[in-house]
């Protein structure tokens, strides 16, 4: 009997979160937060601007709420929550007690977490229902998260094998390294090119894979969205 009110509150929370993510607001908020993080906060953080922690926290909360309502097993939801929280703890410790091990572990966990975020966004995006503007935003968000995930993977390799990249101006700290590799990652994802050069063979292979994904992702996404729109129109 004592567990019934608690279970009722959990059921109400899941219902509210499901309604939140089934509408336009969930994907819109996470897309805006990720866009501001990528295009404003991280580049400015290289110059000493504070504020990234707030947007990291917003994205973390949004993704945790989505992880609890998307169609996945209970074990999967628990695993997502544990990984995301562990990532937050390691990153926090890396800020307060910076060591190479914590930075390496943080980069590895961030890569895994961002890939989980991509999966969550795509699951929300391809839920049943009509094709709306929020689904397009979800596709953009997934693209940005992929670029960030690759940047974290590059950062992990650079921390493990210093000199894996050639920088015109070597990064002076972890924030500059993050900003430079995010710039390199999106320049590679969009096949624009940059002044940063991969030196290590592993990094060159990763760069090629990212460039290929950067070309295939929009094509596959557009095809999937068009197919969903046609299917929804036939049903209506």
C-alpha atoms as a PDB file:
ATOM      1  CA  UNK A   1       0.000   0.000   0.000  1.00  0.00           C
ATOM      2  CA  UNK A   2       2.826   2.396   0.812  1.00  0.00           C
ATOM      3  CA  UNK A   3       4.281   1.984  -2.688  1.00  0.00           C
ATOM      4  CA  UNK A   4       1.057   2.905  -4.507  1.00  0.00           C
ATOM      5  CA  UNK A   5       1.412   6.733  -4.210  1.00  0.00           C
ATOM      6  CA  UNK A   6       5.051   6.465  -5.270  1.00  0.00           C
ATOM      7  CA  UNK A   7       4.174   4.315  -8.293  1.00  0.00           C
ATOM      8  CA  UNK A   8       1.355   6.692  -9.182  1.00  0.00           C
ATOM      9  CA  UNK A   9       3.743   9.661  -9.148  1.00  0.00           C
ATOM     10  CA  UNK A  10       6.182   7.755 -11.381  1.00  0.00           C
ATOM     11  CA  UNK A  11       3.364   6.890 -13.807  1.00  0.00           C
ATOM     12  CA  UNK A  12       2.228  10.530 -13.936  1.00  0.00           C
ATOM     13  CA  UNK A  13       5.819  11.716 -14.501  1.00  0.00           C
ATOM     14  CA  UNK A  14       6.318   9.256 -17.367  1.00  0.00           C
ATOM     15  CA  UNK A  15       2.999  10.310 -18.916  1.00  0.00           C
ATOM     16  CA  UNK A  16       3.917  13.984 -18.739  1.00  0.00           C
ATOM     17  CA  UNK A  17       7.380  13.346 -20.166  1.00  0.00           C
ATOM     18  CA  UNK A  18       5.903  11.220 -22.944  1.00  0.00           C
ATOM     19  CA  UNK A  19       3.541  14.046 -23.880  1.00  0.00           C
ATOM     20  CA  UNK A  20       6.426  16.519 -23.671  1.00  0.00           C
ATOM     21  CA  UNK A  21       8.600  14.512 -26.079  1.00  0.00           C
ATOM     22  CA  UNK A  22       5.757  13.538 -28.411  1.00  0.00           C
ATOM     23  CA  UNK A  23       5.138  17.227 -29.123  1.00  0.00           C
ATOM     24  CA  UNK A  24       7.440  19.832 -30.618  1.00  0.00           C
ATOM     25  CA  UNK A  25       8.893  21.249 -27.412  1.00  0.00           C
ATOM     26  CA  UNK A  26      11.292  18.460 -26.380  1.00  0.00           C
ATOM     27  CA  UNK A  27      13.277  18.211 -29.612  1.00  0.00           C
ATOM     28  CA  UNK A  28      13.152  21.996 -30.052  1.00  0.00           C
ATOM     29  CA  UNK A  29      14.710  22.665 -26.650  1.00  0.00           C
ATOM     30  CA  UNK A  30      17.466  20.083 -26.966  1.00  0.00           C
ATOM     31  CA  UNK A  31      18.286  21.268 -30.511  1.00  0.00           C
ATOM     32  CA  UNK A  32      18.537  24.887 -29.368  1.00  0.00           C
ATOM     33  CA  UNK A  33      20.694  23.930 -26.369  1.00  0.00           C
ATOM     34  CA  UNK A  34      23.065  21.831 -28.479  1.00  0.00           C
ATOM     35  CA  UNK A  35      23.270  24.518 -31.188  1.00  0.00           C
ATOM     36  CA  UNK A  36      24.147  27.233 -28.665  1.00  0.00           C
ATOM     37  CA  UNK A  37      26.677  24.890 -27.068  1.00  0.00           C
ATOM     38  CA  UNK A  38      28.387  24.091 -30.387  1.00  0.00           C
ATOM     39  CA  UNK A  39      28.294  27.472 -32.103  1.00  0.00           C
ATOM     40  CA  UNK A  40      28.588  29.904 -29.178  1.00  0.00           C
ATOM     41  CA  UNK A  41      29.638  28.488 -25.816  1.00  0.00           C
ATOM     42  CA  UNK A  42      32.421  26.074 -26.796  1.00  0.00           C
ATOM     43  CA  UNK A  43      34.202  28.477 -29.198  1.00  0.00           C
ATOM     44  CA  UNK A  44      33.953  31.294 -26.643  1.00  0.00           C
ATOM     45  CA  UNK A  45      35.077  28.979 -23.843  1.00  0.00           C
ATOM     46  CA  UNK A  46      38.422  28.854 -25.631  1.00  0.00           C
ATOM     47  CA  UNK A  47      38.716  32.558 -24.811  1.00  0.00           C
ATOM     48  CA  UNK A  48      37.715  32.012 -21.171  1.00  0.00           C
ATOM     49  CA  UNK A  49      33.924  32.497 -21.334  1.00  0.00           C
ATOM     50  CA  UNK A  50      32.023  30.649 -18.630  1.00  0.00           C
ATOM     51  CA  UNK A  51      28.597  29.105 -19.075  1.00  0.00           C
ATOM     52  CA  UNK A  52      29.083  25.725 -20.693  1.00  0.00           C
ATOM     53  CA  UNK A  53      28.108  23.894 -17.500  1.00  0.00           C
ATOM     54  CA  UNK A  54      24.589  25.354 -17.677  1.00  0.00           C
ATOM     55  CA  UNK A  55      23.952  24.121 -21.229  1.00  0.00           C
ATOM     56  CA  UNK A  56      25.566  20.753 -20.439  1.00  0.00           C
ATOM     57  CA  UNK A  57      23.160  20.457 -17.510  1.00  0.00           C
ATOM     58  CA  UNK A  58      20.138  21.380 -19.658  1.00  0.00           C
ATOM     59  CA  UNK A  59      21.032  18.799 -22.316  1.00  0.00           C
ATOM     60  CA  UNK A  60      21.701  16.196 -19.615  1.00  0.00           C
ATOM     61  CA  UNK A  61      18.274  16.711 -18.010  1.00  0.00           C
ATOM     62  CA  UNK A  62      16.460  16.672 -21.343  1.00  0.00           C
ATOM     63  CA  UNK A  63      18.179  13.486 -22.461  1.00  0.00           C
ATOM     64  CA  UNK A  64      17.616  11.743 -19.147  1.00  0.00           C
ATOM     65  CA  UNK A  65      13.909  12.545 -19.327  1.00  0.00           C
ATOM     66  CA  UNK A  66      13.797  11.250 -22.911  1.00  0.00           C
ATOM     67  CA  UNK A  67      15.663   8.074 -21.927  1.00  0.00           C
ATOM     68  CA  UNK A  68      12.912   7.274 -19.441  1.00  0.00           C
ATOM     69  CA  UNK A  69      10.079   7.479 -21.969  1.00  0.00           C
ATOM     70  CA  UNK A  70      11.513   6.221 -25.280  1.00  0.00           C
ATOM     71  CA  UNK A  71      10.741   2.670 -26.330  1.00  0.00           C
ATOM     72  CA  UNK A  72      13.537   0.673 -24.695  1.00  0.00           C
ATOM     73  CA  UNK A  73      13.887  -1.939 -21.956  1.00  0.00           C
ATOM     74  CA  UNK A  74      14.035  -1.085 -18.264  1.00  0.00           C
ATOM     75  CA  UNK A  75      17.637  -2.311 -18.158  1.00  0.00           C
ATOM     76  CA  UNK A  76      18.477  -0.067 -21.106  1.00  0.00           C
ATOM     77  CA  UNK A  77      16.977   2.982 -19.415  1.00  0.00           C
ATOM     78  CA  UNK A  78      18.873   2.273 -16.184  1.00  0.00           C
ATOM     79  CA  UNK A  79      22.121   1.775 -18.108  1.00  0.00           C
ATOM     80  CA  UNK A  80      21.646   5.115 -19.890  1.00  0.00           C
ATOM     81  CA  UNK A  81      21.033   6.929 -16.597  1.00  0.00           C
ATOM     82  CA  UNK A  82      24.105   5.337 -14.985  1.00  0.00           C
ATOM     83  CA  UNK A  83      26.394   6.159 -17.931  1.00  0.00           C
ATOM     84  CA  UNK A  84      25.190   9.753 -18.170  1.00  0.00           C
ATOM     85  CA  UNK A  85      25.522  10.368 -14.425  1.00  0.00           C
ATOM     86  CA  UNK A  86      28.966   8.734 -14.376  1.00  0.00           C
ATOM     87  CA  UNK A  87      30.030  11.014 -17.222  1.00  0.00           C
ATOM     88  CA  UNK A  88      28.862  14.073 -15.288  1.00  0.00           C
ATOM     89  CA  UNK A  89      30.743  12.970 -12.163  1.00  0.00           C
ATOM     90  CA  UNK A  90      33.986  12.275 -14.034  1.00  0.00           C
ATOM     91  CA  UNK A  91      33.823  15.605 -15.876  1.00  0.00           C
ATOM     92  CA  UNK A  92      33.189  17.411 -12.596  1.00  0.00           C
ATOM     93  CA  UNK A  93      36.141  15.688 -10.940  1.00  0.00           C
ATOM     94  CA  UNK A  94      38.264  16.511 -13.971  1.00  0.00           C
ATOM     95  CA  UNK A  95      37.486  20.190 -13.434  1.00  0.00           C
ATOM     96  CA  UNK A  96      38.159  20.230  -9.693  1.00  0.00           C
ATOM     97  CA  UNK A  97      41.086  17.763  -9.679  1.00  0.00           C
ATOM     98  CA  UNK A  98      42.508  17.817 -13.218  1.00  0.00           C
ATOM     99  CA  UNK A  99      44.586  14.761 -14.067  1.00  0.00           C
ATOM    100  CA  UNK A 100      45.393  13.133 -17.399  1.00  0.00           C
ATOM    101  CA  UNK A 101      43.538   9.953 -16.415  1.00  0.00           C
ATOM    102  CA  UNK A 102      40.336  11.841 -15.544  1.00  0.00           C
ATOM    103  CA  UNK A 103      40.525  13.822 -18.785  1.00  0.00           C
ATOM    104  CA  UNK A 104      41.016  10.628 -20.808  1.00  0.00           C
ATOM    105  CA  UNK A 105      38.201   8.843 -18.991  1.00  0.00           C
ATOM    106  CA  UNK A 106      35.977  11.885 -19.370  1.00  0.00           C
ATOM    107  CA  UNK A 107      36.593  12.052 -23.134  1.00  0.00           C
ATOM    108  CA  UNK A 108      35.793   8.348 -23.526  1.00  0.00           C
ATOM    109  CA  UNK A 109      32.597   8.620 -21.466  1.00  0.00           C
ATOM    110  CA  UNK A 110      31.501  11.774 -23.297  1.00  0.00           C
ATOM    111  CA  UNK A 111      31.894   9.940 -26.622  1.00  0.00           C
ATOM    112  CA  UNK A 112      29.694   7.079 -25.402  1.00  0.00           C
ATOM    113  CA  UNK A 113      27.159   9.472 -23.861  1.00  0.00           C
ATOM    114  CA  UNK A 114      26.859  11.571 -27.020  1.00  0.00           C
ATOM    115  CA  UNK A 115      26.297   8.452 -29.133  1.00  0.00           C
ATOM    116  CA  UNK A 116      23.579   7.440 -26.674  1.00  0.00           C
ATOM    117  CA  UNK A 117      22.091  10.919 -27.092  1.00  0.00           C
ATOM    118  CA  UNK A 118      22.073  10.422 -30.882  1.00  0.00           C
ATOM    119  CA  UNK A 119      20.180   7.169 -30.426  1.00  0.00           C
ATOM    120  CA  UNK A 120      17.661   8.780 -28.060  1.00  0.00           C
ATOM    121  CA  UNK A 121      17.036  11.715 -30.406  1.00  0.00           C
ATOM    122  CA  UNK A 122      16.515   9.398 -33.373  1.00  0.00           C
ATOM    123  CA  UNK A 123      14.156   7.166 -31.364  1.00  0.00           C
ATOM    124  CA  UNK A 124      12.104  10.218 -30.404  1.00  0.00           C
ATOM    125  CA  UNK A 125      12.276  11.558 -33.935  1.00  0.00           C
ATOM    126  CA  UNK A 126      10.985   8.358 -35.547  1.00  0.00           C
ATOM    127  CA  UNK A 127       8.173   7.710 -33.107  1.00  0.00           C
ATOM    128  CA  UNK A 128       4.735   7.230 -34.603  1.00  0.00           C
ATOM    129  CA  UNK A 129       2.774  10.241 -35.727  1.00  0.00           C
ATOM    130  CA  UNK A 130       2.785  12.893 -38.429  1.00  0.00           C
ATOM    131  CA  UNK A 131       5.974  14.469 -39.725  1.00  0.00           C
ATOM    132  CA  UNK A 132       6.351  17.825 -37.979  1.00  0.00           C
ATOM    133  CA  UNK A 133       8.942  20.583 -37.812  1.00  0.00           C
ATOM    134  CA  UNK A 134      10.265  19.059 -34.580  1.00  0.00           C
ATOM    135  CA  UNK A 135      11.326  15.930 -36.468  1.00  0.00           C
ATOM    136  CA  UNK A 136      13.449  18.054 -38.791  1.00  0.00           C
ATOM    137  CA  UNK A 137      14.968  19.720 -35.724  1.00  0.00           C
ATOM    138  CA  UNK A 138      15.660  16.261 -34.304  1.00  0.00           C
ATOM    139  CA  UNK A 139      17.590  15.362 -37.442  1.00  0.00           C
ATOM    140  CA  UNK A 140      19.679  18.527 -37.125  1.00  0.00           C
ATOM    141  CA  UNK A 141      20.253  17.786 -33.430  1.00  0.00           C
ATOM    142  CA  UNK A 142      21.424  14.252 -34.222  1.00  0.00           C
ATOM    143  CA  UNK A 143      23.849  15.650 -36.801  1.00  0.00           C
ATOM    144  CA  UNK A 144      25.308  18.106 -34.271  1.00  0.00           C
ATOM    145  CA  UNK A 145      25.602  15.391 -31.632  1.00  0.00           C
ATOM    146  CA  UNK A 146      27.464  13.156 -34.087  1.00  0.00           C
ATOM    147  CA  UNK A 147      29.973  15.922 -34.717  1.00  0.00           C
ATOM    148  CA  UNK A 148      30.462  16.402 -30.980  1.00  0.00           C
ATOM    149  CA  UNK A 149      30.838  12.647 -30.427  1.00  0.00           C
ATOM    150  CA  UNK A 150      33.575  12.435 -33.044  1.00  0.00           C
ATOM    151  CA  UNK A 151      35.302  15.454 -31.493  1.00  0.00           C
ATOM    152  CA  UNK A 152      35.327  13.710 -28.105  1.00  0.00           C
ATOM    153  CA  UNK A 153      36.754  10.577 -29.712  1.00  0.00           C
ATOM    154  CA  UNK A 154      39.479  12.687 -31.345  1.00  0.00           C
ATOM    155  CA  UNK A 155      40.187  14.294 -27.987  1.00  0.00           C
ATOM    156  CA  UNK A 156      40.540  10.888 -26.329  1.00  0.00           C
ATOM    157  CA  UNK A 157      43.060   9.783 -28.968  1.00  0.00           C
ATOM    158  CA  UNK A 158      45.010  13.045 -28.719  1.00  0.00           C
ATOM    159  CA  UNK A 159      45.191  12.665 -24.931  1.00  0.00           C
ATOM    160  CA  UNK A 160      46.317   9.046 -25.256  1.00  0.00           C
ATOM    161  CA  UNK A 161      48.802   9.764 -28.051  1.00  0.00           C
ATOM    162  CA  UNK A 162      49.961  13.402 -27.911  1.00  0.00           C
ATOM    163  CA  UNK A 163      50.815  14.637 -31.396  1.00  0.00           C
ATOM    164  CA  UNK A 164      48.038  12.654 -33.101  1.00  0.00           C
ATOM    165  CA  UNK A 165      46.978  15.997 -34.612  1.00  0.00           C
ATOM    166  CA  UNK A 166      49.070  18.828 -35.973  1.00  0.00           C
ATOM    167  CA  UNK A 167      47.800  22.214 -34.762  1.00  0.00           C
ATOM    168  CA  UNK A 168      48.936  25.513 -36.264  1.00  0.00           C
ATOM    169  CA  UNK A 169      48.653  26.947 -32.740  1.00  0.00           C
ATOM    170  CA  UNK A 170      48.964  24.195 -30.099  1.00  0.00           C
ATOM    171  CA  UNK A 171      46.146  24.225 -27.494  1.00  0.00           C
ATOM    172  CA  UNK A 172      47.238  25.598 -24.126  1.00  0.00           C
ATOM    173  CA  UNK A 173      44.593  23.803 -22.021  1.00  0.00           C
ATOM    174  CA  UNK A 174      41.742  21.326 -22.136  1.00  0.00           C
ATOM    175  CA  UNK A 175      39.176  23.964 -23.177  1.00  0.00           C
ATOM    176  CA  UNK A 176      41.260  25.030 -26.167  1.00  0.00           C
ATOM    177  CA  UNK A 177      41.820  21.400 -27.144  1.00  0.00           C
ATOM    178  CA  UNK A 178      38.065  20.748 -27.002  1.00  0.00           C
ATOM    179  CA  UNK A 179      37.246  23.854 -29.049  1.00  0.00           C
ATOM    180  CA  UNK A 180      39.861  23.108 -31.721  1.00  0.00           C
ATOM    181  CA  UNK A 181      38.798  19.478 -32.117  1.00  0.00           C
ATOM    182  CA  UNK A 182      35.107  20.391 -32.324  1.00  0.00           C
ATOM    183  CA  UNK A 183      36.029  22.840 -35.084  1.00  0.00           C
ATOM    184  CA  UNK A 184      38.020  20.092 -36.823  1.00  0.00           C
ATOM    185  CA  UNK A 185      35.219  17.556 -36.358  1.00  0.00           C
ATOM    186  CA  UNK A 186      32.520  19.700 -37.956  1.00  0.00           C
ATOM    187  CA  UNK A 187      34.881  20.801 -40.727  1.00  0.00           C
ATOM    188  CA  UNK A 188      35.403  17.087 -41.442  1.00  0.00           C
ATOM    189  CA  UNK A 189      31.729  16.126 -41.042  1.00  0.00           C
ATOM    190  CA  UNK A 190      30.736  18.742 -43.608  1.00  0.00           C
ATOM    191  CA  UNK A 191      33.836  18.016 -45.760  1.00  0.00           C
ATOM    192  CA  UNK A 192      34.863  21.678 -45.633  1.00  0.00           C
ATOM    193  CA  UNK A 193      38.402  21.005 -44.407  1.00  0.00           C
ATOM    194  CA  UNK A 194      40.453  22.848 -41.792  1.00  0.00           C
ATOM    195  CA  UNK A 195      43.967  23.922 -40.875  1.00  0.00           C
ATOM    196  CA  UNK A 196      44.242  21.050 -38.353  1.00  0.00           C
ATOM    197  CA  UNK A 197      45.850  17.922 -39.788  1.00  0.00           C
ATOM    198  CA  UNK A 198      45.463  14.321 -38.576  1.00  0.00           C
ATOM    199  CA  UNK A 199      48.876  12.692 -38.202  1.00  0.00           C
ATOM    200  CA  UNK A 200      48.265   9.336 -36.509  1.00  0.00           C
ATOM    201  CA  UNK A 201      46.963   6.637 -38.924  1.00  0.00           C
ATOM    202  CA  UNK A 202      44.106   5.825 -36.524  1.00  0.00           C
ATOM    203  CA  UNK A 203      42.972   9.444 -36.539  1.00  0.00           C
ATOM    204  CA  UNK A 204      43.162   9.553 -40.347  1.00  0.00           C
ATOM    205  CA  UNK A 205      40.883   6.518 -40.518  1.00  0.00           C
ATOM    206  CA  UNK A 206      38.473   8.157 -38.068  1.00  0.00           C
ATOM    207  CA  UNK A 207      38.515  11.308 -40.204  1.00  0.00           C
ATOM    208  CA  UNK A 208      37.617   9.362 -43.335  1.00  0.00           C
ATOM    209  CA  UNK A 209      34.779   7.580 -41.523  1.00  0.00           C
ATOM    210  CA  UNK A 210      33.393  10.878 -40.223  1.00  0.00           C
ATOM    211  CA  UNK A 211      33.490  12.447 -43.685  1.00  0.00           C
ATOM    212  CA  UNK A 212      31.574   9.463 -45.107  1.00  0.00           C
ATOM    213  CA  UNK A 213      28.980   9.586 -42.319  1.00  0.00           C
ATOM    214  CA  UNK A 214      28.658  13.332 -42.862  1.00  0.00           C
ATOM    215  CA  UNK A 215      27.607  12.687 -46.468  1.00  0.00           C
ATOM    216  CA  UNK A 216      25.384   9.657 -45.851  1.00  0.00           C
ATOM    217  CA  UNK A 217      23.507  10.969 -42.796  1.00  0.00           C
ATOM    218  CA  UNK A 218      21.578  13.794 -44.564  1.00  0.00           C
ATOM    219  CA  UNK A 219      20.723  11.570 -47.534  1.00  0.00           C
ATOM    220  CA  UNK A 220      19.429   8.728 -45.353  1.00  0.00           C
ATOM    221  CA  UNK A 221      17.615  11.143 -43.035  1.00  0.00           C
ATOM    222  CA  UNK A 222      15.832  12.898 -45.906  1.00  0.00           C
ATOM    223  CA  UNK A 223      14.798   9.561 -47.377  1.00  0.00           C
ATOM    224  CA  UNK A 224      13.464   8.357 -44.016  1.00  0.00           C
ATOM    225  CA  UNK A 225      11.515  11.566 -43.366  1.00  0.00           C
ATOM    226  CA  UNK A 226       9.989  11.519 -46.867  1.00  0.00           C
ATOM    227  CA  UNK A 227       9.004   7.880 -46.371  1.00  0.00           C
ATOM    228  CA  UNK A 228       7.386   8.728 -43.022  1.00  0.00           C
ATOM    229  CA  UNK A 229       5.484  11.632 -44.596  1.00  0.00           C
ATOM    230  CA  UNK A 230       4.180   9.460 -47.420  1.00  0.00           C
ATOM    231  CA  UNK A 231       3.184   6.691 -44.991  1.00  0.00           C
ATOM    232  CA  UNK A 232       1.396   9.214 -42.760  1.00  0.00           C
ATOM    233  CA  UNK A 233      -0.449  10.682 -45.767  1.00  0.00           C
ATOM    234  CA  UNK A 234      -1.602   7.235 -46.917  1.00  0.00           C
ATOM    235  CA  UNK A 235      -2.954   6.483 -43.435  1.00  0.00           C
ATOM    236  CA  UNK A 236      -4.859   9.775 -43.279  1.00  0.00           C
END
